Amino acid sequence: MLWIHAGPHKAASSYVTERLRKNRAALATHGVLMDGDNNLLANSIAEKNYQPLEQALSDLSSDFRHILISSSSLDTRILKRSVLDNLNNLALSHGFKLGISYFIRDQQSWLNSVYCHRIRRFRETPDFPDYCDYIMNDRDSWDIAYPSKFKVFKLFPEITTLFLPLSKQVAVTDPFLALVAALDLETPQGEDGWLKGESSKQNIQPGAKGIWMSRLCRQVIAELGFDPERLVRKGKVIRDLAIELGWDHDKFDGFDQALLDRVSGFYQDSNEAFAQEHWGVSWQQLFPTKLASPTIYSGPQSESERVEMRQLMVRVIRGLQLPLQLRRRYFKLYDAAVERVVLPSGH
């Protein structure tokens, strides 16, 4: 088998890939060759350069029966007829069968997670309700109506597809363990079994306050005429601050009940069709409806909180290395934006 675990983005992909790498030796005892830590095979496929994969298939030692590639970068890139055709033919020409796996997440939690990820990385992003509408209705956005997203597989019945629900309602809730079980890989003997992955702070949501701070920071910097693209890869400044202060425990949730109902209703029929086809159960059994519980920070609500948040923003601006000549103007705009937050009476 040539197995490709293609993510998707924001569906435990980093955790699964990192833990697979951690268990490289154990996978080898099962005859599974894991893609390198440099993601050579995954990156080559993403670039439509199939020579490294052909080389790997040609040179595969007799000790291995499978090749496993895990990368969320392949999520949408692989869902094209020409790409699947090339991969399938390449696998077959070397006596391999192609298998592709995805984790399936409910759209509401995915939307909330991707929105926070964009804000945290200082990407231009509309307000949360508008972002949900964009994803649902813009043909150039992410396709998260699953029968539509995966329709290309209908053209390749010989490809093995594996869709794993990222749900608390399944027997194995850990995504790594669910994947290795689905690939029929037995737990290694010994006390430890599969090795644990290394915990990472890279994708931690900075909480409702961190999302507010990141969004306002980008907005003010753009108003200054400073190119926000220069902030790319600097989101860790606010993320690290949020972790230090414990903000990450009070996570942003942008859904009020009306928006939650609207998004759920939009995907209801396609979700049900997908669940019945691939799992033989109702979507609701795996992803029960939850009441909305919005957690949105709109800015400081007292004078003491205003002082505290301003002091923290000073730390952030230093960490972002905003040019000194812009910092005074930055805080004039920042103070004006915070002033627009109405303080409760008596403060």
C-alpha atoms as a PDB file:
ATOM      1  CA  MET A   1       0.000   0.000   0.000  1.00  0.00           C
ATOM      2  CA  LEU A   2       0.960   3.571  -0.686  1.00  0.00           C
ATOM      3  CA  TRP A   3      -0.903   5.423   2.053  1.00  0.00           C
ATOM      4  CA  ILE A   4      -1.323   9.192   1.975  1.00  0.00           C
ATOM      5  CA  HIS A   5      -2.822  10.841   5.054  1.00  0.00           C
ATOM      6  CA  ALA A   6      -3.836  14.211   3.656  1.00  0.00           C
ATOM      7  CA  GLY A   7      -5.046  16.013   6.754  1.00  0.00           C
ATOM      8  CA  PRO A   8      -6.982  18.206   6.440  1.00  0.00           C
ATOM      9  CA  HIS A   9      -5.741  21.517   7.814  1.00  0.00           C
ATOM     10  CA  LYS A  10      -6.863  22.135  11.432  1.00  0.00           C
ATOM     11  CA  ALA A  11      -7.951  18.538  12.020  1.00  0.00           C
ATOM     12  CA  ALA A  12      -5.220  17.243  14.358  1.00  0.00           C
ATOM     13  CA  SER A  13      -2.907  16.908  11.360  1.00  0.00           C
ATOM     14  CA  SER A  14       0.232  18.277  13.022  1.00  0.00           C
ATOM     15  CA  TYR A  15      -0.283  15.997  16.020  1.00  0.00           C
ATOM     16  CA  VAL A  16      -0.807  12.903  13.862  1.00  0.00           C
ATOM     17  CA  THR A  17       2.197  13.608  11.614  1.00  0.00           C
ATOM     18  CA  GLU A  18       4.514  14.359  14.545  1.00  0.00           C
ATOM     19  CA  ARG A  19       3.488  11.205  16.413  1.00  0.00           C
ATOM     20  CA  LEU A  20       3.898   9.067  13.305  1.00  0.00           C
ATOM     21  CA  ARG A  21       7.444  10.384  13.020  1.00  0.00           C
ATOM     22  CA  LYS A  22       8.051   9.667  16.685  1.00  0.00           C
ATOM     23  CA  ASN A  23       7.065   6.052  16.018  1.00  0.00           C
ATOM     24  CA  ARG A  24       9.132   5.669  12.865  1.00  0.00           C
ATOM     25  CA  ALA A  25      11.000   2.630  14.267  1.00  0.00           C
ATOM     26  CA  ALA A  26       7.802   0.900  15.397  1.00  0.00           C
ATOM     27  CA  LEU A  27       6.198   1.531  12.014  1.00  0.00           C
ATOM     28  CA  ALA A  28       9.228  -0.013  10.336  1.00  0.00           C
ATOM     29  CA  THR A  29       8.649  -3.248  12.271  1.00  0.00           C
ATOM     30  CA  HIS A  30       5.210  -3.301  10.633  1.00  0.00           C
ATOM     31  CA  GLY A  31       6.834  -2.908   7.221  1.00  0.00           C
ATOM     32  CA  VAL A  32       5.833   0.746   6.963  1.00  0.00           C
ATOM     33  CA  LEU A  33       8.306   3.296   5.586  1.00  0.00           C
ATOM     34  CA  MET A  34       7.426   6.786   6.822  1.00  0.00           C
ATOM     35  CA  ASP A  35       8.133   9.913   4.771  1.00  0.00           C
ATOM     36  CA  GLY A  36      11.197  11.794   6.038  1.00  0.00           C
ATOM     37  CA  ASP A  37      11.098  14.603   8.576  1.00  0.00           C
ATOM     38  CA  ASN A  38      11.809  16.990   5.696  1.00  0.00           C
ATOM     39  CA  ASN A  39       8.515  15.940   4.035  1.00  0.00           C
ATOM     40  CA  LEU A  40      10.363  15.209   0.803  1.00  0.00           C
ATOM     41  CA  LEU A  41       7.665  12.985  -0.685  1.00  0.00           C
ATOM     42  CA  ALA A  42       4.732  15.122   0.464  1.00  0.00           C
ATOM     43  CA  ASN A  43       6.333  18.348  -0.752  1.00  0.00           C
ATOM     44  CA  SER A  44       7.213  16.772  -4.087  1.00  0.00           C
ATOM     45  CA  ILE A  45       3.633  15.620  -4.611  1.00  0.00           C
ATOM     46  CA  ALA A  46       2.375  19.099  -3.694  1.00  0.00           C
ATOM     47  CA  GLU A  47       4.652  20.486  -6.420  1.00  0.00           C
ATOM     48  CA  LYS A  48       3.483  17.783  -8.888  1.00  0.00           C
ATOM     49  CA  ASN A  49       6.999  16.396  -9.010  1.00  0.00           C
ATOM     50  CA  TYR A  50       6.528  12.627  -8.839  1.00  0.00           C
ATOM     51  CA  GLN A  51      10.148  11.588  -9.413  1.00  0.00           C
ATOM     52  CA  PRO A  52      11.075  11.305  -5.678  1.00  0.00           C
ATOM     53  CA  LEU A  53       8.034   9.103  -5.058  1.00  0.00           C
ATOM     54  CA  GLU A  54       8.830   6.916  -8.066  1.00  0.00           C
ATOM     55  CA  GLN A  55      12.380   6.566  -6.752  1.00  0.00           C
ATOM     56  CA  ALA A  56      11.087   5.587  -3.307  1.00  0.00           C
ATOM     57  CA  LEU A  57       8.754   2.969  -4.775  1.00  0.00           C
ATOM     58  CA  SER A  58      11.485   1.588  -7.024  1.00  0.00           C
ATOM     59  CA  ASP A  59      14.122   1.369  -4.289  1.00  0.00           C
ATOM     60  CA  LEU A  60      11.891   0.108  -1.488  1.00  0.00           C
ATOM     61  CA  SER A  61      13.647  -2.527   0.595  1.00  0.00           C
ATOM     62  CA  SER A  62      12.050  -5.952   0.912  1.00  0.00           C
ATOM     63  CA  ASP A  63      11.667  -5.169   4.623  1.00  0.00           C
ATOM     64  CA  PHE A  64       8.888  -2.718   3.765  1.00  0.00           C
ATOM     65  CA  ARG A  65       5.448  -3.365   2.292  1.00  0.00           C
ATOM     66  CA  HIS A  66       3.962   0.084   2.730  1.00  0.00           C
ATOM     67  CA  ILE A  67       4.909   3.719   2.307  1.00  0.00           C
ATOM     68  CA  LEU A  68       3.129   6.252   4.522  1.00  0.00           C
ATOM     69  CA  ILE A  69       3.022   9.977   3.744  1.00  0.00           C
ATOM     70  CA  SER A  70       1.323  12.352   6.197  1.00  0.00           C
ATOM     71  CA  SER A  71       0.900  16.056   5.454  1.00  0.00           C
ATOM     72  CA  SER A  72      -1.989  18.514   5.643  1.00  0.00           C
ATOM     73  CA  SER A  73      -0.391  20.428   2.758  1.00  0.00           C
ATOM     74  CA  LEU A  74      -1.848  17.759   0.478  1.00  0.00           C
ATOM     75  CA  ASP A  75      -5.432  18.323   1.653  1.00  0.00           C
ATOM     76  CA  THR A  76      -6.841  20.124  -1.378  1.00  0.00           C
ATOM     77  CA  ARG A  77      -3.878  19.657  -3.733  1.00  0.00           C
ATOM     78  CA  ILE A  78      -4.475  15.940  -3.958  1.00  0.00           C
ATOM     79  CA  LEU A  79      -8.189  16.302  -4.759  1.00  0.00           C
ATOM     80  CA  LYS A  80      -7.650  16.874  -8.470  1.00  0.00           C
ATOM     81  CA  ARG A  81      -8.289  14.311 -11.174  1.00  0.00           C
ATOM     82  CA  SER A  82      -4.871  14.777 -12.798  1.00  0.00           C
ATOM     83  CA  VAL A  83      -3.017  14.382  -9.484  1.00  0.00           C
ATOM     84  CA  LEU A  84      -4.942  11.278  -8.440  1.00  0.00           C
ATOM     85  CA  ASP A  85      -4.490   9.815 -11.910  1.00  0.00           C
ATOM     86  CA  ASN A  86      -0.712  10.273 -11.712  1.00  0.00           C
ATOM     87  CA  LEU A  87      -0.462   8.901  -8.176  1.00  0.00           C
ATOM     88  CA  ASN A  88      -2.696   5.927  -8.892  1.00  0.00           C
ATOM     89  CA  ASN A  89      -0.864   4.974 -12.083  1.00  0.00           C
ATOM     90  CA  LEU A  90       2.495   5.379 -10.396  1.00  0.00           C
ATOM     91  CA  ALA A  91       1.465   3.170  -7.490  1.00  0.00           C
ATOM     92  CA  LEU A  92      -0.011   0.493  -9.761  1.00  0.00           C
ATOM     93  CA  SER A  93       3.073   0.456 -11.996  1.00  0.00           C
ATOM     94  CA  HIS A  94       5.155  -0.608  -8.983  1.00  0.00           C
ATOM     95  CA  GLY A  95       2.664  -3.146  -7.652  1.00  0.00           C
ATOM     96  CA  PHE A  96       1.174  -0.853  -5.004  1.00  0.00           C
ATOM     97  CA  LYS A  97      -2.409   0.048  -4.208  1.00  0.00           C
ATOM     98  CA  LEU A  98      -3.135   3.690  -3.391  1.00  0.00           C
ATOM     99  CA  GLY A  99      -4.965   4.572  -0.178  1.00  0.00           C
ATOM    100  CA  ILE A 100      -5.900   8.061   1.010  1.00  0.00           C
ATOM    101  CA  SER A 101      -7.175   9.045   4.453  1.00  0.00           C
ATOM    102  CA  TYR A 102      -8.762  12.170   5.912  1.00  0.00           C
ATOM    103  CA  PHE A 103     -10.091  13.123   9.318  1.00  0.00           C
ATOM    104  CA  ILE A 104     -13.572  14.596   9.202  1.00  0.00           C
ATOM    105  CA  ARG A 105     -14.417  17.421  11.578  1.00  0.00           C
ATOM    106  CA  ASP A 106     -17.771  19.135  12.073  1.00  0.00           C
ATOM    107  CA  GLN A 107     -17.899  22.390  10.160  1.00  0.00           C
ATOM    108  CA  GLN A 108     -18.713  24.597  13.141  1.00  0.00           C
ATOM    109  CA  SER A 109     -15.601  23.703  15.134  1.00  0.00           C
ATOM    110  CA  TRP A 110     -13.494  23.782  11.955  1.00  0.00           C
ATOM    111  CA  LEU A 111     -14.690  27.285  11.050  1.00  0.00           C
ATOM    112  CA  ASN A 112     -13.989  28.570  14.546  1.00  0.00           C
ATOM    113  CA  SER A 113     -10.528  27.004  14.554  1.00  0.00           C
ATOM    114  CA  VAL A 114      -9.489  28.236  11.102  1.00  0.00           C
ATOM    115  CA  TYR A 115     -10.788  31.730  11.855  1.00  0.00           C
ATOM    116  CA  CYS A 116      -8.664  31.917  15.016  1.00  0.00           C
ATOM    117  CA  HIS A 117      -5.669  30.532  13.135  1.00  0.00           C
ATOM    118  CA  ARG A 118      -5.962  33.293  10.533  1.00  0.00           C
ATOM    119  CA  ILE A 119      -6.383  36.049  13.123  1.00  0.00           C
ATOM    120  CA  ARG A 120      -3.488  34.719  15.198  1.00  0.00           C
ATOM    121  CA  ARG A 121      -1.233  34.858  12.127  1.00  0.00           C
ATOM    122  CA  PHE A 122      -2.316  38.452  11.328  1.00  0.00           C
ATOM    123  CA  ARG A 123      -4.130  37.461   8.132  1.00  0.00           C
ATOM    124  CA  GLU A 124      -6.750  39.815   6.716  1.00  0.00           C
ATOM    125  CA  THR A 125     -10.015  38.274   7.878  1.00  0.00           C
ATOM    126  CA  PRO A 126     -13.598  39.633   8.095  1.00  0.00           C
ATOM    127  CA  ASP A 127     -15.733  39.459  11.226  1.00  0.00           C
ATOM    128  CA  PHE A 128     -16.597  35.921  12.237  1.00  0.00           C
ATOM    129  CA  PRO A 129     -20.187  35.802  10.850  1.00  0.00           C
ATOM    130  CA  ASP A 130     -18.961  37.234   7.538  1.00  0.00           C
ATOM    131  CA  TYR A 131     -16.132  34.697   7.441  1.00  0.00           C
ATOM    132  CA  CYS A 132     -18.639  31.859   7.910  1.00  0.00           C
ATOM    133  CA  ASP A 133     -20.745  33.252   5.065  1.00  0.00           C
ATOM    134  CA  TYR A 134     -17.663  33.500   2.859  1.00  0.00           C
ATOM    135  CA  ILE A 135     -16.728  29.859   3.426  1.00  0.00           C
ATOM    136  CA  MET A 136     -20.283  28.666   2.858  1.00  0.00           C
ATOM    137  CA  ASN A 137     -21.061  30.664  -0.258  1.00  0.00           C
ATOM    138  CA  ASP A 138     -17.897  31.695  -2.096  1.00  0.00           C
ATOM    139  CA  ARG A 139     -16.780  29.178  -4.707  1.00  0.00           C
ATOM    140  CA  ASP A 140     -13.168  30.252  -4.289  1.00  0.00           C
ATOM    141  CA  SER A 141     -13.171  29.453  -0.554  1.00  0.00           C
ATOM    142  CA  TRP A 142     -12.589  26.148   1.222  1.00  0.00           C
ATOM    143  CA  ASP A 143     -15.095  23.449   0.263  1.00  0.00           C
ATOM    144  CA  ILE A 144     -16.200  21.796   3.512  1.00  0.00           C
ATOM    145  CA  ALA A 145     -19.381  20.225   2.169  1.00  0.00           C
ATOM    146  CA  TYR A 146     -17.885  16.743   2.231  1.00  0.00           C
ATOM    147  CA  PRO A 147     -19.740  14.989  -0.634  1.00  0.00           C
ATOM    148  CA  SER A 148     -18.702  17.903  -2.849  1.00  0.00           C
ATOM    149  CA  LYS A 149     -15.153  18.111  -1.542  1.00  0.00           C
ATOM    150  CA  PHE A 150     -14.443  14.417  -2.139  1.00  0.00           C
ATOM    151  CA  LYS A 151     -16.490  13.895  -5.304  1.00  0.00           C
ATOM    152  CA  VAL A 152     -13.333  13.296  -7.370  1.00  0.00           C
ATOM    153  CA  PHE A 153     -12.876   9.918  -5.665  1.00  0.00           C
ATOM    154  CA  LYS A 154     -15.983   8.676  -7.499  1.00  0.00           C
ATOM    155  CA  LEU A 155     -13.790   8.611 -10.614  1.00  0.00           C
ATOM    156  CA  PHE A 156     -11.282   6.280  -8.916  1.00  0.00           C
ATOM    157  CA  PRO A 157     -13.134   3.372  -7.273  1.00  0.00           C
ATOM    158  CA  GLU A 158      -9.855   1.426  -7.155  1.00  0.00           C
ATOM    159  CA  ILE A 159      -8.375   3.928  -4.673  1.00  0.00           C
ATOM    160  CA  THR A 160      -8.998   2.990  -1.032  1.00  0.00           C
ATOM    161  CA  THR A 161     -10.478   5.958   0.828  1.00  0.00           C
ATOM    162  CA  LEU A 162     -10.579   6.197   4.599  1.00  0.00           C
ATOM    163  CA  PHE A 163     -12.622   8.897   6.337  1.00  0.00           C
ATOM    164  CA  LEU A 164     -12.161   9.012  10.110  1.00  0.00           C
ATOM    165  CA  PRO A 165     -14.574  11.096  12.223  1.00  0.00           C
ATOM    166  CA  LEU A 166     -12.832  13.477  14.613  1.00  0.00           C
ATOM    167  CA  SER A 167     -15.481  12.883  17.245  1.00  0.00           C
ATOM    168  CA  LYS A 168     -15.824  12.114  20.951  1.00  0.00           C
ATOM    169  CA  GLN A 169     -18.586   9.627  20.088  1.00  0.00           C
ATOM    170  CA  VAL A 170     -16.287   6.978  18.580  1.00  0.00           C
ATOM    171  CA  ALA A 171     -14.547   4.095  20.355  1.00  0.00           C
ATOM    172  CA  VAL A 172     -11.035   5.481  19.716  1.00  0.00           C
ATOM    173  CA  THR A 173     -11.030   9.245  20.184  1.00  0.00           C
ATOM    174  CA  ASP A 174      -7.271   9.809  19.847  1.00  0.00           C
ATOM    175  CA  PRO A 175      -6.734  10.574  16.121  1.00  0.00           C
ATOM    176  CA  PHE A 176      -3.290   8.952  15.933  1.00  0.00           C
ATOM    177  CA  LEU A 177      -4.550   5.729  17.523  1.00  0.00           C
ATOM    178  CA  ALA A 178      -7.638   5.806  15.303  1.00  0.00           C
ATOM    179  CA  LEU A 179      -5.469   6.087  12.194  1.00  0.00           C
ATOM    180  CA  VAL A 180      -3.013   3.294  13.051  1.00  0.00           C
ATOM    181  CA  ALA A 181      -5.948   1.053  14.021  1.00  0.00           C
ATOM    182  CA  ALA A 182      -7.678   1.786  10.705  1.00  0.00           C
ATOM    183  CA  LEU A 183      -4.439   0.880   8.913  1.00  0.00           C
ATOM    184  CA  ASP A 184      -4.456  -2.470  10.772  1.00  0.00           C
ATOM    185  CA  LEU A 185      -1.231  -1.719  12.626  1.00  0.00           C
ATOM    186  CA  GLU A 186      -1.022  -3.553  15.933  1.00  0.00           C
ATOM    187  CA  THR A 187       0.156  -1.731  19.041  1.00  0.00           C
ATOM    188  CA  PRO A 188       3.886  -2.411  19.578  1.00  0.00           C
ATOM    189  CA  GLN A 189       4.691  -4.907  22.296  1.00  0.00           C
ATOM    190  CA  GLY A 190       6.063  -3.640  25.553  1.00  0.00           C
ATOM    191  CA  GLU A 191       4.935  -1.421  28.360  1.00  0.00           C
ATOM    192  CA  ASP A 192       4.872   1.813  26.398  1.00  0.00           C
ATOM    193  CA  GLY A 193       3.176   0.732  23.177  1.00  0.00           C
ATOM    194  CA  TRP A 194       3.031   3.594  20.708  1.00  0.00           C
ATOM    195  CA  LEU A 195       5.330   6.431  21.798  1.00  0.00           C
ATOM    196  CA  LYS A 196       3.673   9.692  22.784  1.00  0.00           C
ATOM    197  CA  GLY A 197       4.152  12.706  20.575  1.00  0.00           C
ATOM    198  CA  GLU A 198       5.961  15.848  21.662  1.00  0.00           C
ATOM    199  CA  SER A 199       3.566  18.515  22.895  1.00  0.00           C
ATOM    200  CA  SER A 200       3.666  21.654  20.775  1.00  0.00           C
ATOM    201  CA  LYS A 201       2.472  25.191  21.435  1.00  0.00           C
ATOM    202  CA  GLN A 202       2.605  26.063  17.753  1.00  0.00           C
ATOM    203  CA  ASN A 203      -1.124  25.735  17.081  1.00  0.00           C
ATOM    204  CA  ILE A 204      -2.526  26.723  20.470  1.00  0.00           C
ATOM    205  CA  GLN A 205      -5.442  29.150  20.235  1.00  0.00           C
ATOM    206  CA  PRO A 206      -4.530  32.293  22.218  1.00  0.00           C
ATOM    207  CA  GLY A 207      -7.999  32.570  23.746  1.00  0.00           C
ATOM    208  CA  ALA A 208     -10.652  35.256  23.342  1.00  0.00           C
ATOM    209  CA  LYS A 209      -8.349  38.020  24.631  1.00  0.00           C
ATOM    210  CA  GLY A 210      -5.514  36.928  22.366  1.00  0.00           C
ATOM    211  CA  ILE A 211      -7.816  36.906  19.345  1.00  0.00           C
ATOM    212  CA  TRP A 212      -9.013  40.429  20.203  1.00  0.00           C
ATOM    213  CA  MET A 213      -5.445  41.653  20.631  1.00  0.00           C
ATOM    214  CA  SER A 214      -4.230  40.043  17.378  1.00  0.00           C
ATOM    215  CA  ARG A 215      -7.127  41.421  15.373  1.00  0.00           C
ATOM    216  CA  LEU A 216      -6.819  44.940  16.776  1.00  0.00           C
ATOM    217  CA  CYS A 217      -3.045  44.888  16.359  1.00  0.00           C
ATOM    218  CA  ARG A 218      -3.319  44.084  12.644  1.00  0.00           C
ATOM    219  CA  GLN A 219      -6.064  46.663  12.166  1.00  0.00           C
ATOM    220  CA  VAL A 220      -4.042  49.480  13.729  1.00  0.00           C
ATOM    221  CA  ILE A 221      -0.858  48.537  11.907  1.00  0.00           C
ATOM    222  CA  ALA A 222      -2.736  48.588   8.592  1.00  0.00           C
ATOM    223  CA  GLU A 223      -4.149  52.029   9.460  1.00  0.00           C
ATOM    224  CA  LEU A 224      -0.580  53.237   9.966  1.00  0.00           C
ATOM    225  CA  GLY A 225       0.237  52.291   6.391  1.00  0.00           C
ATOM    226  CA  PHE A 226       2.683  49.635   7.607  1.00  0.00           C
ATOM    227  CA  ASP A 227       2.460  46.478   5.495  1.00  0.00           C
ATOM    228  CA  PRO A 228       0.806  43.794   7.699  1.00  0.00           C
ATOM    229  CA  GLU A 229       2.505  41.119   5.593  1.00  0.00           C
ATOM    230  CA  ARG A 230       5.669  42.017   7.469  1.00  0.00           C
ATOM    231  CA  LEU A 231       4.027  40.484  10.544  1.00  0.00           C
ATOM    232  CA  VAL A 232       3.814  37.045   8.941  1.00  0.00           C
ATOM    233  CA  ARG A 233       5.349  34.386  11.191  1.00  0.00           C
ATOM    234  CA  LYS A 234       5.315  36.757  14.168  1.00  0.00           C
ATOM    235  CA  GLY A 235       2.015  35.584  15.639  1.00  0.00           C
ATOM    236  CA  LYS A 236       3.901  33.693  18.340  1.00  0.00           C
ATOM    237  CA  VAL A 237       4.493  37.008  20.145  1.00  0.00           C
ATOM    238  CA  ILE A 238       0.824  37.214  21.189  1.00  0.00           C
ATOM    239  CA  ARG A 239       0.446  33.439  21.437  1.00  0.00           C
ATOM    240  CA  ASP A 240       3.338  33.182  23.914  1.00  0.00           C
ATOM    241  CA  LEU A 241       1.918  36.083  25.926  1.00  0.00           C
ATOM    242  CA  ALA A 242      -1.499  34.402  25.985  1.00  0.00           C
ATOM    243  CA  ILE A 243      -0.003  31.136  27.251  1.00  0.00           C
ATOM    244  CA  GLU A 244       1.986  33.007  29.910  1.00  0.00           C
ATOM    245  CA  LEU A 245      -1.196  34.715  31.173  1.00  0.00           C
ATOM    246  CA  GLY A 246      -3.468  31.678  30.814  1.00  0.00           C
ATOM    247  CA  TRP A 247      -5.665  33.289  28.156  1.00  0.00           C
ATOM    248  CA  ASP A 248      -5.509  30.095  26.112  1.00  0.00           C
ATOM    249  CA  HIS A 249      -7.809  28.412  28.665  1.00  0.00           C
ATOM    250  CA  ASP A 250     -10.642  30.818  27.808  1.00  0.00           C
ATOM    251  CA  LYS A 251     -10.951  29.981  24.130  1.00  0.00           C
ATOM    252  CA  PHE A 252     -12.640  32.149  21.535  1.00  0.00           C
ATOM    253  CA  ASP A 253     -15.978  30.812  20.277  1.00  0.00           C
ATOM    254  CA  GLY A 254     -17.669  33.060  17.742  1.00  0.00           C
ATOM    255  CA  PHE A 255     -20.994  31.258  17.465  1.00  0.00           C
ATOM    256  CA  ASP A 256     -24.192  32.695  18.866  1.00  0.00           C
ATOM    257  CA  GLN A 257     -27.249  30.467  18.500  1.00  0.00           C
ATOM    258  CA  ALA A 258     -28.542  32.088  15.328  1.00  0.00           C
ATOM    259  CA  LEU A 259     -25.215  31.715  13.503  1.00  0.00           C
ATOM    260  CA  LEU A 260     -24.728  28.176  14.790  1.00  0.00           C
ATOM    261  CA  ASP A 261     -28.182  27.184  13.538  1.00  0.00           C
ATOM    262  CA  ARG A 262     -27.514  28.813  10.170  1.00  0.00           C
ATOM    263  CA  VAL A 263     -24.222  26.980   9.626  1.00  0.00           C
ATOM    264  CA  SER A 264     -25.641  23.662  10.865  1.00  0.00           C
ATOM    265  CA  GLY A 265     -28.619  23.998   8.557  1.00  0.00           C
ATOM    266  CA  PHE A 266     -26.436  24.843   5.572  1.00  0.00           C
ATOM    267  CA  TYR A 267     -24.468  21.577   5.836  1.00  0.00           C
ATOM    268  CA  GLN A 268     -27.181  19.356   7.309  1.00  0.00           C
ATOM    269  CA  ASP A 269     -28.260  17.445   4.182  1.00  0.00           C
ATOM    270  CA  SER A 270     -24.761  16.935   2.757  1.00  0.00           C
ATOM    271  CA  ASN A 271     -23.427  15.842   6.148  1.00  0.00           C
ATOM    272  CA  GLU A 272     -26.184  13.288   6.554  1.00  0.00           C
ATOM    273  CA  ALA A 273     -25.607  11.868   3.080  1.00  0.00           C
ATOM    274  CA  PHE A 274     -21.862  11.622   3.725  1.00  0.00           C
ATOM    275  CA  ALA A 275     -22.273   9.944   7.122  1.00  0.00           C
ATOM    276  CA  GLN A 276     -24.729   7.368   5.800  1.00  0.00           C
ATOM    277  CA  GLU A 277     -22.519   6.532   2.823  1.00  0.00           C
ATOM    278  CA  HIS A 278     -19.225   6.154   4.674  1.00  0.00           C
ATOM    279  CA  TRP A 279     -20.139   5.245   8.258  1.00  0.00           C
ATOM    280  CA  GLY A 280     -23.653   3.837   8.009  1.00  0.00           C
ATOM    281  CA  VAL A 281     -24.927   6.054  10.842  1.00  0.00           C
ATOM    282  CA  SER A 282     -26.545   9.438  11.176  1.00  0.00           C
ATOM    283  CA  TRP A 283     -24.255  12.490  11.295  1.00  0.00           C
ATOM    284  CA  GLN A 284     -25.979  13.439  14.560  1.00  0.00           C
ATOM    285  CA  GLN A 285     -24.764  10.234  16.217  1.00  0.00           C
ATOM    286  CA  LEU A 286     -21.155  11.242  15.677  1.00  0.00           C
ATOM    287  CA  PHE A 287     -21.544  15.009  15.942  1.00  0.00           C
ATOM    288  CA  PRO A 288     -24.462  15.731  18.318  1.00  0.00           C
ATOM    289  CA  THR A 289     -25.980  19.196  18.172  1.00  0.00           C
ATOM    290  CA  LYS A 290     -24.656  21.523  20.868  1.00  0.00           C
ATOM    291  CA  LEU A 291     -26.111  24.753  22.165  1.00  0.00           C
ATOM    292  CA  ALA A 292     -24.112  27.848  21.307  1.00  0.00           C
ATOM    293  CA  SER A 293     -21.740  29.101  23.980  1.00  0.00           C
ATOM    294  CA  PRO A 294     -20.088  32.226  22.561  1.00  0.00           C
ATOM    295  CA  THR A 295     -16.890  33.487  24.164  1.00  0.00           C
ATOM    296  CA  ILE A 296     -15.908  36.795  22.602  1.00  0.00           C
ATOM    297  CA  TYR A 297     -13.753  39.474  24.213  1.00  0.00           C
ATOM    298  CA  SER A 298     -14.662  42.947  22.954  1.00  0.00           C
ATOM    299  CA  GLY A 299     -12.030  44.953  24.835  1.00  0.00           C
ATOM    300  CA  PRO A 300     -11.333  46.231  28.366  1.00  0.00           C
ATOM    301  CA  GLN A 301     -14.423  46.914  30.465  1.00  0.00           C
ATOM    302  CA  SER A 302     -12.843  48.879  33.309  1.00  0.00           C
ATOM    303  CA  GLU A 303     -10.154  51.501  33.720  1.00  0.00           C
ATOM    304  CA  SER A 304      -7.792  49.072  35.475  1.00  0.00           C
ATOM    305  CA  GLU A 305      -8.273  46.536  32.706  1.00  0.00           C
ATOM    306  CA  ARG A 306      -7.643  49.233  30.122  1.00  0.00           C
ATOM    307  CA  VAL A 307      -4.331  50.108  31.755  1.00  0.00           C
ATOM    308  CA  GLU A 308      -3.357  46.439  31.990  1.00  0.00           C
ATOM    309  CA  MET A 309      -4.161  45.681  28.339  1.00  0.00           C
ATOM    310  CA  ARG A 310      -2.279  48.754  27.159  1.00  0.00           C
ATOM    311  CA  GLN A 311       0.815  47.705  29.091  1.00  0.00           C
ATOM    312  CA  LEU A 312       0.577  44.263  27.515  1.00  0.00           C
ATOM    313  CA  MET A 313       0.199  45.792  24.063  1.00  0.00           C
ATOM    314  CA  VAL A 314       3.422  47.726  24.670  1.00  0.00           C
ATOM    315  CA  ARG A 315       5.143  44.370  25.221  1.00  0.00           C
ATOM    316  CA  VAL A 316       3.592  43.022  22.030  1.00  0.00           C
ATOM    317  CA  ILE A 317       4.694  45.968  19.893  1.00  0.00           C
ATOM    318  CA  ARG A 318       8.232  45.604  21.186  1.00  0.00           C
ATOM    319  CA  GLY A 319       8.143  41.902  20.369  1.00  0.00           C
ATOM    320  CA  LEU A 320       6.840  42.622  16.870  1.00  0.00           C
ATOM    321  CA  GLN A 321       9.677  45.107  16.392  1.00  0.00           C
ATOM    322  CA  LEU A 322       7.463  47.825  14.980  1.00  0.00           C
ATOM    323  CA  PRO A 323       9.759  50.702  13.905  1.00  0.00           C
ATOM    324  CA  LEU A 324      10.265  53.228  16.727  1.00  0.00           C
ATOM    325  CA  GLN A 325       9.045  56.154  14.616  1.00  0.00           C
ATOM    326  CA  LEU A 326       5.639  54.442  14.231  1.00  0.00           C
ATOM    327  CA  ARG A 327       5.038  53.424  17.827  1.00  0.00           C
ATOM    328  CA  ARG A 328       3.687  56.765  19.098  1.00  0.00           C
ATOM    329  CA  ARG A 329       1.224  56.952  16.210  1.00  0.00           C
ATOM    330  CA  TYR A 330       0.338  53.295  16.792  1.00  0.00           C
ATOM    331  CA  PHE A 331      -0.756  53.927  20.366  1.00  0.00           C
ATOM    332  CA  LYS A 332      -2.780  57.017  19.432  1.00  0.00           C
ATOM    333  CA  LEU A 333      -4.785  54.811  17.090  1.00  0.00           C
ATOM    334  CA  TYR A 334      -4.879  51.972  19.613  1.00  0.00           C
ATOM    335  CA  ASP A 335      -6.182  54.269  22.375  1.00  0.00           C
ATOM    336  CA  ALA A 336      -8.838  55.667  20.051  1.00  0.00           C
ATOM    337  CA  ALA A 337     -10.006  52.154  19.168  1.00  0.00           C
ATOM    338  CA  VAL A 338     -10.201  51.118  22.813  1.00  0.00           C
ATOM    339  CA  GLU A 339     -12.066  54.331  23.687  1.00  0.00           C
ATOM    340  CA  ARG A 340     -14.874  53.157  21.427  1.00  0.00           C
ATOM    341  CA  VAL A 341     -15.532  50.296  23.864  1.00  0.00           C
ATOM    342  CA  VAL A 342     -18.291  51.501  26.178  1.00  0.00           C
ATOM    343  CA  LEU A 343     -17.321  51.096  29.816  1.00  0.00           C
ATOM    344  CA  PRO A 344     -19.992  49.948  32.277  1.00  0.00           C
ATOM    345  CA  SER A 345     -21.532  52.740  34.335  1.00  0.00           C
ATOM    346  CA  GLY A 346     -19.703  53.524  37.554  1.00  0.00           C
ATOM    347  CA  HIS A 347     -16.200  52.945  36.071  1.00  0.00           C
END
